[in-house]
């Protein structure tokens, strides 16, 4: 007999039991990453993140799990449903709280329904819907599942799509020159000029994995992260303690590209490494130098992927400027169960219209590819 439990902390689950439910290729769903967010001050109820992880057990053996949170806002999700909340308010209904299956602050596709059998994934989804009903929640959401998971959701879960920009090695790029050889002349020239500008400033780069990072490296990277959030007027959620935790708990999966200029570390990009993919997460700089942003955030990562034989680089959400640098439009998914039948029907039509617009947008973007063989 299956036993469903919703947990307030991943400390209640042994790391070995949680990590046995996924293949380890996506660092964001690892126990070390998710529990690290909780243990090191990155998730707070007053920020709208209350851990409420869905788990299914058989005879005290964990067979399925989904990282989940009760949310009383939509911050840090990257699947935008503010219009839905506004519509609820206009009808005198409460949209919050809702349940969210996701990785906080991370618009990264990956496993969301952790299980080794399809029957256990189905049980997990039914448990989530039952919990949402029992708690009188407006809705339940699963953000950025894999395409395979997305296809397995029942029809009651409304589908949404969006576009991100991802780099994929088709298999024949061995180095950066080989990558650029597939570009048309204009875009190849622009990238070479951007990289040359950085070289002329005298900037050099260090690639630092978590296990090799000094405390000074971690503090510098955290300072860049704070600077970026301050520049945009946002509140930083991650803590230095969390970054230090990642360096120790995930020593090869934390990757930083640190820019050095005149004896100082002046910029950095923080990434996580999966089984075949590099994930760009945060960047920041203490100085403004020509081309520094593109070199630190994109070209250093592409170089790293080519050296390490990683096949993909996902540098984060949004940014049409990424297309000219070899990151092509890619669909990402989310699923949404809405309790109110009338709202569910109305939002189903809304999602259909949105999907049509997104697909048209993606077709327009494809016309701007920099690659010769895609023209």
Protein backbone atom coordinates (compact mmCIF):
# COMPACT_ATOMS: atom_id res chain seq x y z
CA UNK A 1 0.00 0.00 0.00
CA UNK A 2 1.51 3.34 -1.07
CA UNK A 3 1.99 5.97 1.60
CA UNK A 4 1.93 9.62 0.49
CA UNK A 5 3.83 12.15 2.58
CA UNK A 6 4.39 15.87 2.03
CA UNK A 7 7.62 16.93 3.71
CA UNK A 8 8.61 20.33 5.07
CA UNK A 9 12.32 19.68 4.65
CA UNK A 10 14.59 17.46 2.61
CA UNK A 11 16.41 16.78 5.86
CA UNK A 12 13.60 14.23 6.39
CA UNK A 13 14.81 12.18 3.40
CA UNK A 14 18.19 10.41 3.25
CA UNK A 15 20.23 11.80 0.38
CA UNK A 16 20.86 8.28 -0.93
CA UNK A 17 17.10 7.53 -1.13
CA UNK A 18 16.33 10.81 -2.93
CA UNK A 19 19.20 10.53 -5.39
CA UNK A 20 18.34 6.91 -6.22
CA UNK A 21 15.25 8.29 -8.02
CA UNK A 22 17.19 10.16 -10.74
CA UNK A 23 20.20 9.43 -12.91
CA UNK A 24 22.43 12.16 -11.48
CA UNK A 25 22.79 14.01 -14.78
CA UNK A 26 20.92 17.10 -13.63
CA UNK A 27 22.58 18.76 -10.61
CA UNK A 28 19.55 20.89 -9.73
CA UNK A 29 17.42 17.97 -8.56
CA UNK A 30 20.14 16.45 -6.41
CA UNK A 31 19.58 16.29 -2.68
CA UNK A 32 22.76 18.32 -2.14
CA UNK A 33 21.49 21.24 -4.21
CA UNK A 34 17.88 21.32 -3.03
CA UNK A 35 18.60 20.67 0.64
CA UNK A 36 21.43 23.18 0.44
CA UNK A 37 18.94 25.89 -0.50
CA UNK A 38 16.92 25.08 2.62
CA UNK A 39 19.83 24.65 5.00
CA UNK A 40 21.73 27.79 4.01
CA UNK A 41 19.10 30.50 4.11
CA UNK A 42 18.04 30.73 0.45
CA UNK A 43 14.36 29.84 0.99
CA UNK A 44 12.18 31.86 3.31
CA UNK A 45 8.45 31.79 3.88
CA UNK A 46 8.30 35.60 3.77
CA UNK A 47 9.76 35.35 0.25
CA UNK A 48 6.96 32.97 -0.71
CA UNK A 49 8.89 29.68 -0.62
CA UNK A 50 7.64 27.07 1.87
CA UNK A 51 9.04 23.58 1.19
CA UNK A 52 6.27 21.04 0.65
CA UNK A 53 7.89 18.12 -1.14
CA UNK A 54 5.67 15.36 -2.52
CA UNK A 55 6.85 11.82 -1.75
CA UNK A 56 5.41 8.33 -2.24
CA UNK A 57 6.61 5.45 -0.08
CA UNK A 58 6.13 1.70 -0.16
CA UNK A 59 6.94 -0.04 3.12
CA UNK A 60 9.16 2.91 4.12
CA UNK A 61 11.00 2.73 0.81
CA UNK A 62 10.92 6.00 -1.19
CA UNK A 63 9.61 5.22 -4.70
CA UNK A 64 8.71 8.68 -6.03
CA UNK A 65 9.33 12.32 -5.16
CA UNK A 66 8.85 15.82 -6.52
CA UNK A 67 10.60 18.90 -5.14
CA UNK A 68 7.69 21.16 -4.24
CA UNK A 69 6.78 24.39 -2.51
CA UNK A 70 3.73 26.23 -1.27
CA UNK A 71 3.82 29.67 -2.89
CA UNK A 72 2.02 32.87 -1.94
CA UNK A 73 3.52 34.79 -4.86
CA UNK A 74 5.05 33.94 -8.24
CA UNK A 75 8.56 35.31 -7.73
CA UNK A 76 11.58 33.27 -8.76
CA UNK A 77 9.63 30.87 -10.98
CA UNK A 78 10.28 32.05 -14.59
CA UNK A 79 6.91 30.72 -15.77
CA UNK A 80 4.77 33.80 -15.56
CA UNK A 81 1.22 33.46 -14.24
CA UNK A 82 0.63 36.96 -12.89
CA UNK A 83 -2.25 37.40 -15.36
CA UNK A 84 -3.87 34.29 -13.89
CA UNK A 85 -3.58 35.69 -10.38
CA UNK A 86 -5.04 39.00 -11.55
CA UNK A 87 -8.01 37.23 -13.15
CA UNK A 88 -8.70 35.36 -9.93
CA UNK A 89 -8.59 38.61 -7.96
CA UNK A 90 -11.02 40.26 -10.37
CA UNK A 91 -13.50 37.49 -9.60
CA UNK A 92 -13.01 37.76 -5.84
CA UNK A 93 -11.06 34.51 -5.63
CA UNK A 94 -7.67 33.71 -4.10
CA UNK A 95 -5.00 32.43 -6.47
CA UNK A 96 -2.48 32.04 -3.67
CA UNK A 97 -1.40 29.85 -2.08
CA UNK A 98 -0.62 27.39 -4.84
CA UNK A 99 1.66 24.35 -5.04
CA UNK A 100 4.72 24.52 -7.28
CA UNK A 101 6.90 21.64 -8.42
CA UNK A 102 10.16 23.28 -9.45
CA UNK A 103 13.74 24.12 -8.59
CA UNK A 104 13.72 27.54 -6.90
CA UNK A 105 15.20 30.43 -8.89
CA UNK A 106 16.26 28.07 -11.70
CA UNK A 107 14.64 28.17 -15.16
CA UNK A 108 16.38 24.92 -16.04
CA UNK A 109 14.73 21.92 -17.69
CA UNK A 110 15.20 18.68 -15.80
CA UNK A 111 13.43 15.79 -14.07
CA UNK A 112 10.56 16.90 -11.85
CA UNK A 113 8.72 13.64 -11.18
CA UNK A 114 11.51 11.58 -9.69
CA UNK A 115 10.76 7.86 -9.93
CA UNK A 116 12.02 4.72 -11.61
CA UNK A 117 8.61 3.48 -12.75
CA UNK A 118 5.81 5.20 -14.68
CA UNK A 119 3.20 3.89 -12.22
CA UNK A 120 4.99 5.70 -9.41
CA UNK A 121 5.04 8.95 -11.41
CA UNK A 122 1.31 8.63 -11.96
CA UNK A 123 0.81 8.05 -8.24
CA UNK A 124 2.88 11.13 -7.52
CA UNK A 125 0.75 13.34 -9.79
CA UNK A 126 -2.45 12.03 -8.23
CA UNK A 127 -1.02 12.70 -4.77
CA UNK A 128 -0.25 16.29 -5.76
CA UNK A 129 -3.77 16.88 -7.07
CA UNK A 130 -5.31 15.34 -3.95
CA UNK A 131 -3.15 17.50 -1.70
CA UNK A 132 -4.10 20.64 -3.64
CA UNK A 133 -7.79 19.81 -3.23
CA UNK A 134 -7.46 18.93 0.45
CA UNK A 135 -5.64 22.18 1.20
CA UNK A 136 -8.08 24.20 -0.92
CA UNK A 137 -5.28 25.45 -3.17
CA UNK A 138 -6.17 27.17 -6.42
CA UNK A 139 -3.75 25.14 -8.48
CA UNK A 140 -0.67 22.97 -8.80
CA UNK A 141 2.15 23.63 -11.27
CA UNK A 142 5.20 21.78 -12.54
CA UNK A 143 7.79 24.02 -14.19
CA UNK A 144 10.43 22.94 -16.73
CA UNK A 145 9.89 19.16 -16.81
CA UNK A 146 11.75 17.19 -19.46
CA UNK A 147 9.97 16.73 -22.79
CA UNK A 148 9.49 13.05 -21.95
CA UNK A 149 7.85 13.89 -18.64
CA UNK A 150 5.73 16.59 -20.23
CA UNK A 151 4.27 14.11 -22.71
CA UNK A 152 3.22 11.82 -19.84
CA UNK A 153 1.02 14.33 -18.00
CA UNK A 154 -2.73 13.64 -18.04
CA UNK A 155 -4.93 16.02 -20.04
CA UNK A 156 -6.16 17.67 -16.83
CA UNK A 157 -2.75 19.34 -16.56
CA UNK A 158 -2.74 22.32 -18.95
CA UNK A 159 0.40 22.61 -21.10
CA UNK A 160 2.36 25.80 -21.64
CA UNK A 161 5.49 26.41 -23.71
CA UNK A 162 8.11 29.13 -23.85
CA UNK A 163 11.37 29.75 -25.66
CA UNK A 164 14.90 29.72 -24.29
CA UNK A 165 18.22 29.86 -26.17
CA UNK A 166 20.47 26.79 -25.97
CA UNK A 167 23.78 25.80 -27.53
CA UNK A 168 23.96 22.28 -28.94
CA UNK A 169 27.00 20.63 -30.45
CA UNK A 170 25.85 18.67 -33.51
CA UNK A 171 28.81 16.38 -32.97
CA UNK A 172 31.49 17.71 -35.30
CA UNK A 173 32.67 20.79 -33.39
CA UNK A 174 36.01 19.95 -31.79
CA UNK A 175 37.13 23.46 -30.86
CA UNK A 176 36.00 27.09 -31.05
CA UNK A 177 37.38 27.57 -34.56
CA UNK A 178 35.37 24.56 -35.70
CA UNK A 179 32.28 26.05 -34.08
CA UNK A 180 32.81 29.37 -35.86
CA UNK A 181 33.45 27.64 -39.18
CA UNK A 182 29.73 26.88 -39.35
CA UNK A 183 28.81 30.58 -38.99
CA UNK A 184 28.13 32.92 -41.86
CA UNK A 185 30.84 35.50 -42.50
CA UNK A 186 29.13 38.41 -40.74
CA UNK A 187 28.42 36.62 -37.46
CA UNK A 188 31.81 34.87 -37.41
CA UNK A 189 33.56 38.22 -37.84
CA UNK A 190 31.49 39.83 -35.07
CA UNK A 191 32.38 37.13 -32.54
CA UNK A 192 36.07 37.27 -33.39
CA UNK A 193 35.99 41.03 -32.92
CA UNK A 194 34.23 40.71 -29.56
CA UNK A 195 36.80 38.22 -28.31
CA UNK A 196 39.67 40.35 -29.64
CA UNK A 197 38.41 43.37 -27.68
CA UNK A 198 38.65 41.40 -24.44
CA UNK A 199 42.14 40.15 -25.28
CA UNK A 200 43.33 43.70 -25.97
CA UNK A 201 42.29 44.81 -22.49
CA UNK A 202 44.67 42.25 -21.00
CA UNK A 203 41.92 40.23 -19.31
CA UNK A 204 42.69 36.55 -18.71
CA UNK A 205 40.43 33.81 -17.40
CA UNK A 206 40.64 31.07 -14.83
CA UNK A 207 38.28 28.08 -14.89
CA UNK A 208 37.72 27.04 -11.29
CA UNK A 209 35.78 23.97 -10.18
CA UNK A 210 34.22 23.94 -6.74
CA UNK A 211 36.76 21.53 -5.32
CA UNK A 212 39.63 23.80 -6.34
CA UNK A 213 38.03 27.10 -5.35
CA UNK A 214 39.62 29.13 -2.60
CA UNK A 215 37.54 31.07 -0.13
CA UNK A 216 38.66 34.22 -1.94
CA UNK A 217 37.35 32.81 -5.24
CA UNK A 218 33.96 32.04 -3.70
CA UNK A 219 33.72 35.41 -2.00
CA UNK A 220 34.62 37.17 -5.25
CA UNK A 221 31.97 35.27 -7.20
CA UNK A 222 29.39 35.96 -4.52
CA UNK A 223 30.29 39.65 -4.65
CA UNK A 224 29.67 39.70 -8.40
CA UNK A 225 26.31 38.02 -7.85
CA UNK A 226 25.33 40.66 -5.29
CA UNK A 227 26.49 43.45 -7.59
CA UNK A 228 24.28 42.26 -10.44
CA UNK A 229 21.21 42.00 -8.23
CA UNK A 230 21.93 45.43 -6.79
CA UNK A 231 22.30 46.92 -10.29
CA UNK A 232 18.84 45.65 -11.23
CA UNK A 233 17.21 46.54 -7.92
CA UNK A 234 16.43 42.92 -7.03
CA UNK A 235 16.87 41.10 -3.74
CA UNK A 236 19.51 38.33 -3.85
CA UNK A 237 18.24 34.99 -2.61
CA UNK A 238 21.42 32.93 -2.55
CA UNK A 239 23.87 33.15 0.33
CA UNK A 240 27.63 32.84 0.52
CA UNK A 241 27.13 29.82 2.77
CA UNK A 242 25.13 28.12 0.00
CA UNK A 243 27.88 28.79 -2.54
CA UNK A 244 30.45 27.39 -0.13
CA UNK A 245 28.21 24.37 0.40
CA UNK A 246 28.04 23.71 -3.36
CA UNK A 247 31.81 23.90 -3.63
CA UNK A 248 32.19 21.24 -0.97
CA UNK A 249 29.21 19.00 -1.74
CA UNK A 250 29.39 19.22 -5.55
CA UNK A 251 33.09 19.85 -6.20
CA UNK A 252 33.11 18.97 -9.91
CA UNK A 253 29.63 20.25 -10.70
CA UNK A 254 30.23 23.84 -9.62
CA UNK A 255 32.17 25.68 -12.36
CA UNK A 256 33.24 29.33 -12.28
CA UNK A 257 34.80 31.41 -15.03
CA UNK A 258 36.77 34.17 -13.30
CA UNK A 259 38.17 37.14 -15.21
CA UNK A 260 41.51 38.59 -14.06
CA UNK A 261 42.68 42.10 -14.90
CA UNK A 262 45.74 43.91 -13.55
CA UNK A 263 46.08 41.51 -10.64
CA UNK A 264 42.42 41.58 -9.60
CA UNK A 265 39.46 39.29 -10.16
CA UNK A 266 37.06 41.66 -11.90
CA UNK A 267 34.21 39.48 -13.19
CA UNK A 268 32.83 35.99 -13.00
CA UNK A 269 30.18 33.59 -14.22
CA UNK A 270 28.83 30.81 -12.02
CA UNK A 271 27.68 27.62 -13.72
CA UNK A 272 26.66 24.11 -12.80
CA UNK A 273 27.76 21.09 -14.78
CA UNK A 274 25.51 18.14 -15.52
CA UNK A 275 26.19 14.85 -17.22
CA UNK A 276 26.37 16.36 -20.73
CA UNK A 277 25.26 19.97 -20.19
CA UNK A 278 26.68 23.16 -18.75
CA UNK A 279 24.12 25.42 -17.07
CA UNK A 280 24.88 29.13 -16.81
CA UNK A 281 23.32 30.67 -13.72
CA UNK A 282 24.78 34.00 -12.53
CA UNK A 283 27.28 36.58 -13.64
CA UNK A 284 28.62 39.87 -12.36
CA UNK A 285 31.47 42.35 -12.80
CA UNK A 286 33.16 45.16 -10.89
CA UNK A 287 34.29 46.92 -14.03
CA UNK A 288 33.04 47.66 -17.52
CA UNK A 289 35.37 46.45 -20.25
CA UNK A 290 34.57 45.93 -23.96
CA UNK A 291 33.17 42.47 -24.62
CA UNK A 292 33.61 41.27 -21.04
CA UNK A 293 30.01 40.14 -20.56
CA UNK A 294 29.81 38.02 -23.71
CA UNK A 295 33.23 36.48 -23.12
CA UNK A 296 32.57 35.61 -19.50
CA UNK A 297 28.99 34.36 -19.88
CA UNK A 298 29.04 32.70 -23.30
CA UNK A 299 32.38 32.17 -25.03
CA UNK A 300 34.22 30.82 -22.01
CA UNK A 301 31.35 28.39 -21.46
CA UNK A 302 31.35 27.24 -25.08
CA UNK A 303 35.13 26.76 -24.92
CA UNK A 304 34.68 24.71 -21.76
CA UNK A 305 31.98 22.51 -23.34
CA UNK A 306 34.18 21.84 -26.36
CA UNK A 307 37.20 20.92 -24.19
CA UNK A 308 35.17 18.77 -21.83
CA UNK A 309 33.08 17.18 -24.60
CA UNK A 310 29.79 18.43 -23.18
CA UNK A 311 27.09 18.52 -25.83
CA UNK A 312 24.90 21.37 -24.56
CA UNK A 313 25.10 24.76 -22.86
CA UNK A 314 22.01 26.39 -21.38
CA UNK A 315 22.98 29.94 -20.36
CA UNK A 316 19.71 30.95 -18.67
CA UNK A 317 16.34 32.39 -19.59
CA UNK A 318 15.53 35.07 -22.16
CA UNK A 319 17.88 37.11 -24.35
CA UNK A 320 17.44 37.22 -28.13
CA UNK A 321 21.03 38.50 -28.39
CA UNK A 322 22.16 34.93 -27.67
CA UNK A 323 21.05 33.79 -31.14
CA UNK A 324 23.87 35.68 -32.86
CA UNK A 325 26.31 33.84 -30.59
CA UNK A 326 25.15 30.36 -31.47
CA UNK A 327 22.35 29.76 -28.96
CA UNK A 328 19.22 28.73 -30.86
CA UNK A 329 15.54 28.93 -29.85
CA UNK A 330 14.44 25.87 -27.89
CA UNK A 331 11.02 25.11 -26.44
CA UNK A 332 10.65 24.61 -22.70
CA UNK A 333 7.56 23.26 -20.98
CA UNK A 334 5.37 23.60 -17.92
CA UNK A 335 2.16 21.93 -16.71
CA UNK A 336 -0.70 23.37 -14.66
CA UNK A 337 -3.63 21.80 -12.83
CA UNK A 338 -6.34 24.33 -11.96
CA UNK A 339 -8.95 23.35 -9.38
CA UNK A 340 -11.79 25.68 -10.44
CA UNK A 341 -13.47 24.01 -13.47
CA UNK A 342 -14.55 27.26 -15.15
CA UNK A 343 -11.12 28.82 -14.75
CA UNK A 344 -9.51 25.60 -15.95
CA UNK A 345 -11.60 25.67 -19.14
CA UNK A 346 -10.89 29.35 -19.75
CA UNK A 347 -7.17 28.95 -19.11
CA UNK A 348 -7.03 25.95 -21.44
CA UNK A 349 -8.14 28.24 -24.27
CA UNK A 350 -5.66 30.89 -23.10
CA UNK A 351 -2.82 28.34 -23.13
CA UNK A 352 -3.74 27.23 -26.66
CA UNK A 353 -3.61 30.81 -27.90
CA UNK A 354 -0.34 31.46 -26.08
CA UNK A 355 1.24 28.32 -27.55
CA UNK A 356 0.28 29.41 -31.07
CA UNK A 357 1.88 32.82 -30.49
CA UNK A 358 5.04 31.28 -29.01
CA UNK A 359 5.44 28.90 -31.95
CA UNK A 360 5.05 31.77 -34.41
CA UNK A 361 7.63 33.74 -32.45
CA UNK A 362 10.05 30.80 -32.55
CA UNK A 363 9.67 30.52 -36.32
CA UNK A 364 10.52 34.21 -36.64
CA UNK A 365 13.60 33.74 -34.48
CA UNK A 366 14.80 30.81 -36.59
CA UNK A 367 15.14 33.20 -39.50
CA UNK A 368 17.97 34.96 -37.66
CA UNK A 369 20.22 31.96 -37.13
CA UNK A 370 23.94 32.75 -37.61
CA UNK A 371 24.71 29.32 -39.06
CA UNK A 372 25.39 28.82 -42.75
CA UNK A 373 23.87 25.37 -43.00
CA UNK A 374 20.61 26.57 -41.43
CA UNK A 375 20.02 29.44 -43.83
